[in-house]
Amino acid sequence: MSLPRIVGFTANLQRPSKTRALAEALAEAVGAEIRAEIRLYDMVDAGTGLGAAWSRDLLPLPARRIVEAIEGADALIVGSPVYKGAYTGLFKHLFDFVDPAALVGKPVILSATGGGPRHALVVEHSLRPLFGFFSAHTIPSAVYGSDADFRDGVLVDAGVKARVKDAAGQLADLLGARAARASAPKAGPAAFASAG
């Protein structure tokens, strides 16, 4: 049986970045929980032509490959730095090209970074509704990290690290349950007893 494919995509426009560091921490924590093929992409990998594309056929090849990787993944780790209280415009622009049917039921870890704690709800007020539109299965534990939670580009805050571990465990449990269900013999139709 092939390993689950997990794709991480972050909206950071430079490397290194706190958003990338948080995605790496999540990927590492998932990898400690379950064997998987994990690939991480950043907005900078999509190329500068992404913003000029208004249809999928106009996407530059690097951006098209990221969209295809997202659609073909078994699970996602997504993250964005907070801009004006929400995810970045280019993050949303890239997801505008993703086929909505490709994300139905797909497990997604939500993450974001910002300057301080006042932006922490961006994961609930912006990211969760976006992936709700796609009917994706967002993991209950979203992860937010602020500037104070990182030192020299590395996540150091114990509370945020605990949320990373929780989210990774939830994703691994969900993928493990799906793998077990896929390999189990198919059951016949359920029988119901009538009340009488």
Protein backbone atom coordinates (compact mmCIF):
# COMPACT_ATOMS: atom_id res chain seq x y z
CA MET A 1 0.00 0.00 0.00
CA SER A 2 1.37 3.43 -0.91
CA LEU A 3 2.15 6.04 1.71
CA PRO A 4 -0.33 8.89 2.17
CA ARG A 5 0.69 12.03 0.31
CA ILE A 6 0.64 15.18 2.42
CA VAL A 7 1.18 18.55 0.77
CA GLY A 8 2.01 21.68 2.71
CA PHE A 9 1.40 25.08 1.17
CA THR A 10 2.26 28.38 2.84
CA ALA A 11 1.62 31.89 1.61
CA ASN A 12 4.94 33.36 2.69
CA LEU A 13 6.67 35.49 0.09
CA GLN A 14 10.19 34.87 1.38
CA ARG A 15 12.30 32.10 2.84
CA PRO A 16 13.07 31.71 5.64
CA SER A 17 9.84 32.79 7.31
CA LYS A 18 7.84 32.11 10.47
CA THR A 19 5.01 30.65 8.39
CA ARG A 20 7.39 28.20 6.73
CA ALA A 21 8.94 27.33 10.10
CA LEU A 22 5.48 26.56 11.49
CA ALA A 23 4.63 24.39 8.46
CA GLU A 24 7.93 22.55 8.89
CA ALA A 25 7.16 21.95 12.57
CA LEU A 26 3.75 20.57 11.62
CA ALA A 27 5.21 18.36 8.88
CA GLU A 28 7.86 17.03 11.27
CA ALA A 29 5.23 16.30 13.92
CA VAL A 30 3.01 14.51 11.39
CA GLY A 31 6.02 12.51 10.21
CA ALA A 32 6.66 11.43 13.80
CA GLU A 33 3.08 10.12 14.02
CA ILE A 34 2.58 8.39 10.66
CA ARG A 35 4.68 7.29 7.71
CA ALA A 36 3.87 9.59 4.83
CA GLU A 37 5.28 11.32 1.77
CA ILE A 38 5.36 15.01 2.72
CA ARG A 39 6.11 17.90 0.35
CA LEU A 40 6.15 21.56 1.32
CA TYR A 41 5.62 24.46 -1.06
CA ASP A 42 5.70 28.21 -0.46
CA MET A 43 4.10 31.02 -2.41
CA VAL A 44 7.54 31.88 -3.77
CA ASP A 45 7.56 28.45 -5.47
CA ALA A 46 4.48 29.44 -7.50
CA GLY A 47 6.40 32.08 -9.42
CA THR A 48 5.70 35.73 -10.04
CA GLY A 49 3.12 35.08 -12.78
CA LEU A 50 0.50 33.71 -10.39
CA GLY A 51 -1.06 37.10 -9.73
CA ALA A 52 -1.46 37.81 -13.46
CA ALA A 53 -3.33 34.55 -14.17
CA TRP A 54 -7.12 34.87 -14.34
CA SER A 55 -7.80 31.34 -15.57
CA ARG A 56 -6.19 27.98 -14.82
CA ASP A 57 -4.74 27.62 -18.31
CA LEU A 58 -2.86 30.91 -17.79
CA LEU A 59 -1.14 29.72 -14.62
CA PRO A 60 2.65 29.58 -14.85
CA LEU A 61 3.90 25.99 -14.77
CA PRO A 62 5.25 26.18 -11.18
CA ALA A 63 1.88 27.41 -9.87
CA ARG A 64 0.00 24.78 -11.90
CA ARG A 65 2.17 22.06 -10.38
CA ILE A 66 1.35 23.30 -6.86
CA VAL A 67 -2.39 23.32 -7.65
CA GLU A 68 -2.12 19.77 -9.01
CA ALA A 69 -0.15 18.64 -5.95
CA ILE A 70 -2.84 20.11 -3.67
CA GLU A 71 -5.59 18.37 -5.63
CA GLY A 72 -3.75 15.04 -5.64
CA ALA A 73 -2.78 15.04 -1.96
CA ASP A 74 -4.39 12.84 0.67
CA ALA A 75 -4.09 15.63 3.25
CA LEU A 76 -2.95 19.25 3.44
CA ILE A 77 -1.04 21.51 5.79
CA VAL A 78 -1.83 25.12 4.92
CA GLY A 79 -0.59 28.35 6.41
CA SER A 80 -0.56 32.06 5.79
CA PRO A 81 0.93 35.11 7.39
CA VAL A 82 -1.81 37.47 8.50
CA TYR A 83 -2.37 40.52 6.30
CA LYS A 84 -5.06 43.02 7.28
CA GLY A 85 -6.74 40.45 9.52
CA ALA A 86 -6.92 37.57 7.01
CA TYR A 87 -4.87 35.26 4.81
CA THR A 88 -2.97 36.83 1.92
CA GLY A 89 -4.69 37.66 -1.36
CA LEU A 90 -2.32 35.46 -3.38
CA PHE A 91 -3.09 32.51 -1.06
CA LYS A 92 -6.79 32.87 -1.91
CA HIS A 93 -5.95 33.47 -5.57
CA LEU A 94 -4.10 30.15 -5.80
CA PHE A 95 -6.98 28.29 -4.13
CA ASP A 96 -9.38 29.91 -6.62
CA PHE A 97 -7.80 27.57 -9.21
CA VAL A 98 -8.26 24.41 -7.12
CA ASP A 99 -11.11 22.17 -8.26
CA PRO A 100 -13.62 22.23 -5.35
CA ALA A 101 -14.40 18.53 -5.84
CA ALA A 102 -10.73 17.66 -5.25
CA LEU A 103 -10.82 18.78 -1.61
CA VAL A 104 -14.10 17.19 -0.49
CA GLY A 105 -13.42 15.31 2.74
CA LYS A 106 -9.67 15.96 2.51
CA PRO A 107 -8.06 16.45 5.95
CA VAL A 108 -6.47 19.90 6.34
CA ILE A 109 -4.35 21.36 9.14
CA LEU A 110 -4.89 25.11 9.35
CA SER A 111 -2.08 27.40 10.50
CA ALA A 112 -1.19 31.08 10.46
CA THR A 113 1.42 33.48 11.81
CA GLY A 114 1.20 37.11 12.79
CA GLY A 115 2.84 39.85 14.75
CA GLY A 116 0.91 39.29 17.96
CA PRO A 117 -1.90 37.37 19.62
CA ARG A 118 -4.69 39.66 18.39
CA HIS A 119 -4.66 37.88 15.01
CA ALA A 120 -4.98 34.37 16.45
CA LEU A 121 -8.60 33.94 15.35
CA VAL A 122 -7.68 34.28 11.68
CA VAL A 123 -7.56 30.48 11.49
CA GLU A 124 -11.19 30.28 12.65
CA HIS A 125 -12.62 33.37 10.94
CA SER A 126 -10.80 33.19 7.60
CA LEU A 127 -9.12 29.85 6.94
CA ARG A 128 -11.78 27.50 8.33
CA PRO A 129 -14.63 29.08 6.29
CA LEU A 130 -12.51 28.93 3.12
CA PHE A 131 -11.91 25.21 3.50
CA GLY A 132 -15.52 24.74 4.62
CA PHE A 133 -16.49 25.98 1.16
CA PHE A 134 -14.40 23.15 -0.29
CA SER A 135 -16.09 20.65 2.10
CA ALA A 136 -12.62 19.73 3.34
CA HIS A 137 -12.22 18.05 6.72
CA THR A 138 -10.41 20.68 8.77
CA ILE A 139 -8.56 19.32 11.78
CA PRO A 140 -10.05 20.61 15.07
CA SER A 141 -6.74 21.95 16.42
CA ALA A 142 -5.67 24.90 14.28
CA VAL A 143 -2.26 26.44 15.02
CA TYR A 144 -1.34 30.11 15.28
CA GLY A 145 2.10 31.48 16.08
CA SER A 146 3.06 35.08 16.76
CA ASP A 147 6.47 36.75 16.62
CA ALA A 148 7.16 36.02 20.29
CA ASP A 149 6.69 32.28 19.71
CA PHE A 150 9.77 32.05 17.48
CA ARG A 151 13.44 32.58 18.18
CA ASP A 152 15.97 32.79 15.34
CA GLY A 153 13.35 31.40 12.96
CA VAL A 154 12.55 28.37 15.11
CA LEU A 155 9.28 27.69 16.95
CA VAL A 156 10.06 27.73 20.68
CA ASP A 157 6.79 28.43 22.51
CA ALA A 158 5.65 25.37 24.50
CA GLY A 159 1.94 26.12 24.06
CA VAL A 160 2.17 26.44 20.29
CA LYS A 161 4.34 23.33 20.14
CA ALA A 162 1.64 21.44 22.06
CA ARG A 163 -0.98 22.56 19.51
CA VAL A 164 1.34 21.42 16.69
CA LYS A 165 1.55 17.99 18.33
CA ASP A 166 -2.23 17.87 18.83
CA ALA A 167 -2.94 18.81 15.21
CA ALA A 168 -0.41 16.29 13.91
CA GLY A 169 -1.91 13.53 16.05
CA GLN A 170 -5.43 14.36 14.85
CA LEU A 171 -4.32 14.27 11.22
CA ALA A 172 -2.46 10.98 11.72
CA ASP A 173 -5.49 9.43 13.46
CA LEU A 174 -7.76 10.50 10.63
CA LEU A 175 -5.42 9.19 7.92
CA GLY A 176 -4.92 5.94 9.86
CA ALA A 177 -8.68 5.44 10.22
CA ARG A 178 -9.17 6.07 6.49
CA ALA A 179 -6.43 3.59 5.60
CA ALA A 180 -7.97 0.96 7.87
CA ARG A 181 -11.42 1.57 6.40
CA ALA A 182 -10.06 1.33 2.85
CA SER A 183 -8.39 -2.03 3.52
CA ALA A 184 -11.31 -3.55 5.50
CA PRO A 185 -13.69 -5.93 3.73
CA LYS A 186 -16.86 -4.26 2.54
CA ALA A 187 -19.85 -4.80 4.81
CA GLY A 188 -23.29 -5.69 3.52
CA PRO A 189 -26.30 -3.47 3.96
CA ALA A 190 -27.24 -2.63 7.54
CA ALA A 191 -30.18 -4.44 9.07
CA PHE A 192 -32.61 -2.47 11.18
CA ALA A 193 -34.99 -3.91 13.73
CA SER A 194 -38.43 -2.40 13.72
CA ALA A 195 -39.77 -1.00 16.94
CA GLY A 196 -42.75 -2.86 17.94
